[in-house]
């Protein structure tokens, strides 16, 4: 049932309206979201301000959905991304 519900969510109709900075985090053995679809997603997001992609693997013990096994690395990646976006925003507002 959950898998059927996931099929209702589609980025394509709104992808061109997204203009902010976007992080995409994937896992190479995710049992819900096939990481090979991420390229299609990235290609749809052609109007974003910036796009950062990170694929976690079994070598990091973060290969599963929601990076179960190494949540710390996923959270660190997200926090570092936020900090880098904040620094870039600060730099641009000073210019």
C-alpha atoms as a PDB file:
ATOM      1  CA  UNK A   1       0.000   0.000   0.000  1.00  0.00           C
ATOM      2  CA  UNK A   2       2.773   2.478   0.859  1.00  0.00           C
ATOM      3  CA  UNK A   3       4.544   1.756  -2.412  1.00  0.00           C
ATOM      4  CA  UNK A   4       1.340   2.513  -4.317  1.00  0.00           C
ATOM      5  CA  UNK A   5       1.004   5.816  -2.448  1.00  0.00           C
ATOM      6  CA  UNK A   6       4.564   6.765  -3.400  1.00  0.00           C
ATOM      7  CA  UNK A   7       3.580   6.581  -7.064  1.00  0.00           C
ATOM      8  CA  UNK A   8       1.182   9.493  -6.479  1.00  0.00           C
ATOM      9  CA  UNK A   9       4.068  11.860  -5.800  1.00  0.00           C
ATOM     10  CA  UNK A  10       5.628  13.286  -8.934  1.00  0.00           C
ATOM     11  CA  UNK A  11       8.172  16.081  -9.186  1.00  0.00           C
ATOM     12  CA  UNK A  12       7.797  16.655 -12.908  1.00  0.00           C
ATOM     13  CA  UNK A  13       4.694  18.918 -12.875  1.00  0.00           C
ATOM     14  CA  UNK A  14       6.377  21.401 -10.519  1.00  0.00           C
ATOM     15  CA  UNK A  15      10.103  20.896 -11.120  1.00  0.00           C
ATOM     16  CA  UNK A  16      10.505  23.987 -13.302  1.00  0.00           C
ATOM     17  CA  UNK A  17       8.981  26.156 -10.548  1.00  0.00           C
ATOM     18  CA  UNK A  18      11.652  25.234  -8.000  1.00  0.00           C
ATOM     19  CA  UNK A  19      14.266  27.998  -7.853  1.00  0.00           C
ATOM     20  CA  UNK A  20      15.983  27.643  -4.485  1.00  0.00           C
ATOM     21  CA  UNK A  21      19.101  25.744  -3.439  1.00  0.00           C
ATOM     22  CA  UNK A  22      18.390  22.003  -3.411  1.00  0.00           C
ATOM     23  CA  UNK A  23      20.193  19.104  -1.730  1.00  0.00           C
ATOM     24  CA  UNK A  24      19.461  15.590  -2.964  1.00  0.00           C
ATOM     25  CA  UNK A  25      20.564  12.703  -0.794  1.00  0.00           C
ATOM     26  CA  UNK A  26      20.387   9.133  -2.015  1.00  0.00           C
ATOM     27  CA  UNK A  27      21.423   5.665  -0.966  1.00  0.00           C
ATOM     28  CA  UNK A  28      22.718   3.065  -3.382  1.00  0.00           C
ATOM     29  CA  UNK A  29      20.686   0.244  -1.814  1.00  0.00           C
ATOM     30  CA  UNK A  30      17.522   2.164  -0.897  1.00  0.00           C
ATOM     31  CA  UNK A  31      14.627  -0.279  -0.962  1.00  0.00           C
ATOM     32  CA  UNK A  32      12.001   2.440  -1.692  1.00  0.00           C
ATOM     33  CA  UNK A  33      13.726   4.862  -4.043  1.00  0.00           C
ATOM     34  CA  UNK A  34      15.903   3.535  -6.850  1.00  0.00           C
ATOM     35  CA  UNK A  35      19.021   5.701  -6.878  1.00  0.00           C
ATOM     36  CA  UNK A  36      19.189   5.372 -10.661  1.00  0.00           C
ATOM     37  CA  UNK A  37      16.139   7.661 -10.867  1.00  0.00           C
ATOM     38  CA  UNK A  38      18.055  10.525  -9.302  1.00  0.00           C
ATOM     39  CA  UNK A  39      19.582  11.523 -12.645  1.00  0.00           C
ATOM     40  CA  UNK A  40      16.086  12.036 -14.042  1.00  0.00           C
ATOM     41  CA  UNK A  41      15.206  14.134 -10.999  1.00  0.00           C
ATOM     42  CA  UNK A  42      18.339  16.246 -11.356  1.00  0.00           C
ATOM     43  CA  UNK A  43      17.619  16.845 -15.046  1.00  0.00           C
ATOM     44  CA  UNK A  44      14.103  18.078 -14.216  1.00  0.00           C
ATOM     45  CA  UNK A  45      15.435  20.673 -11.753  1.00  0.00           C
ATOM     46  CA  UNK A  46      16.846  23.016 -14.377  1.00  0.00           C
ATOM     47  CA  UNK A  47      15.779  26.281 -12.678  1.00  0.00           C
ATOM     48  CA  UNK A  48      17.232  25.689  -9.224  1.00  0.00           C
ATOM     49  CA  UNK A  49      19.687  28.163  -7.786  1.00  0.00           C
ATOM     50  CA  UNK A  50      22.107  25.360  -6.934  1.00  0.00           C
ATOM     51  CA  UNK A  51      21.940  21.598  -6.646  1.00  0.00           C
ATOM     52  CA  UNK A  52      24.072  19.382  -4.456  1.00  0.00           C
ATOM     53  CA  UNK A  53      23.882  15.612  -4.776  1.00  0.00           C
ATOM     54  CA  UNK A  54      25.272  13.021  -2.375  1.00  0.00           C
ATOM     55  CA  UNK A  55      24.928   9.256  -2.774  1.00  0.00           C
ATOM     56  CA  UNK A  56      25.679   7.181   0.312  1.00  0.00           C
ATOM     57  CA  UNK A  57      27.019   3.645  -0.034  1.00  0.00           C
ATOM     58  CA  UNK A  58      27.579   0.463   1.894  1.00  0.00           C
ATOM     59  CA  UNK A  59      31.215   1.490   2.444  1.00  0.00           C
ATOM     60  CA  UNK A  60      29.825   4.223   4.711  1.00  0.00           C
ATOM     61  CA  UNK A  61      27.183   1.915   6.198  1.00  0.00           C
ATOM     62  CA  UNK A  62      24.558   4.381   4.961  1.00  0.00           C
ATOM     63  CA  UNK A  63      23.298   2.539   1.887  1.00  0.00           C
ATOM     64  CA  UNK A  64      19.713   1.969   3.074  1.00  0.00           C
ATOM     65  CA  UNK A  65      16.585   4.116   3.023  1.00  0.00           C
ATOM     66  CA  UNK A  66      17.021   7.209   5.238  1.00  0.00           C
ATOM     67  CA  UNK A  67      20.656   6.132   5.554  1.00  0.00           C
ATOM     68  CA  UNK A  68      19.761   3.710   8.346  1.00  0.00           C
ATOM     69  CA  UNK A  69      22.995   2.383   9.747  1.00  0.00           C
ATOM     70  CA  UNK A  70      24.810   5.702   9.674  1.00  0.00           C
ATOM     71  CA  UNK A  71      22.339   8.481  10.297  1.00  0.00           C
ATOM     72  CA  UNK A  72      25.146  10.631  11.630  1.00  0.00           C
ATOM     73  CA  UNK A  73      26.807  10.927   8.235  1.00  0.00           C
ATOM     74  CA  UNK A  74      23.518  11.955   6.634  1.00  0.00           C
ATOM     75  CA  UNK A  75      22.827  14.572   9.308  1.00  0.00           C
ATOM     76  CA  UNK A  76      26.391  15.887   9.092  1.00  0.00           C
ATOM     77  CA  UNK A  77      26.030  16.159   5.318  1.00  0.00           C
ATOM     78  CA  UNK A  78      22.768  18.097   5.664  1.00  0.00           C
ATOM     79  CA  UNK A  79      24.199  20.428   8.333  1.00  0.00           C
ATOM     80  CA  UNK A  80      27.329  21.075   6.273  1.00  0.00           C
ATOM     81  CA  UNK A  81      25.174  21.816   3.231  1.00  0.00           C
ATOM     82  CA  UNK A  82      23.080  24.329   5.204  1.00  0.00           C
ATOM     83  CA  UNK A  83      26.229  26.026   6.501  1.00  0.00           C
ATOM     84  CA  UNK A  84      27.708  26.255   2.997  1.00  0.00           C
ATOM     85  CA  UNK A  85      24.485  27.792   1.651  1.00  0.00           C
ATOM     86  CA  UNK A  86      24.418  30.282   4.552  1.00  0.00           C
ATOM     87  CA  UNK A  87      28.036  31.294   3.852  1.00  0.00           C
ATOM     88  CA  UNK A  88      27.301  31.749   0.152  1.00  0.00           C
ATOM     89  CA  UNK A  89      24.216  33.846   0.945  1.00  0.00           C
ATOM     90  CA  UNK A  90      26.230  36.010   3.362  1.00  0.00           C
ATOM     91  CA  UNK A  91      28.960  36.471   0.766  1.00  0.00           C
ATOM     92  CA  UNK A  92      26.451  37.504  -1.905  1.00  0.00           C
ATOM     93  CA  UNK A  93      24.618  39.993   0.310  1.00  0.00           C
ATOM     94  CA  UNK A  94      27.893  41.738   1.163  1.00  0.00           C
ATOM     95  CA  UNK A  95      28.872  42.127  -2.490  1.00  0.00           C
END
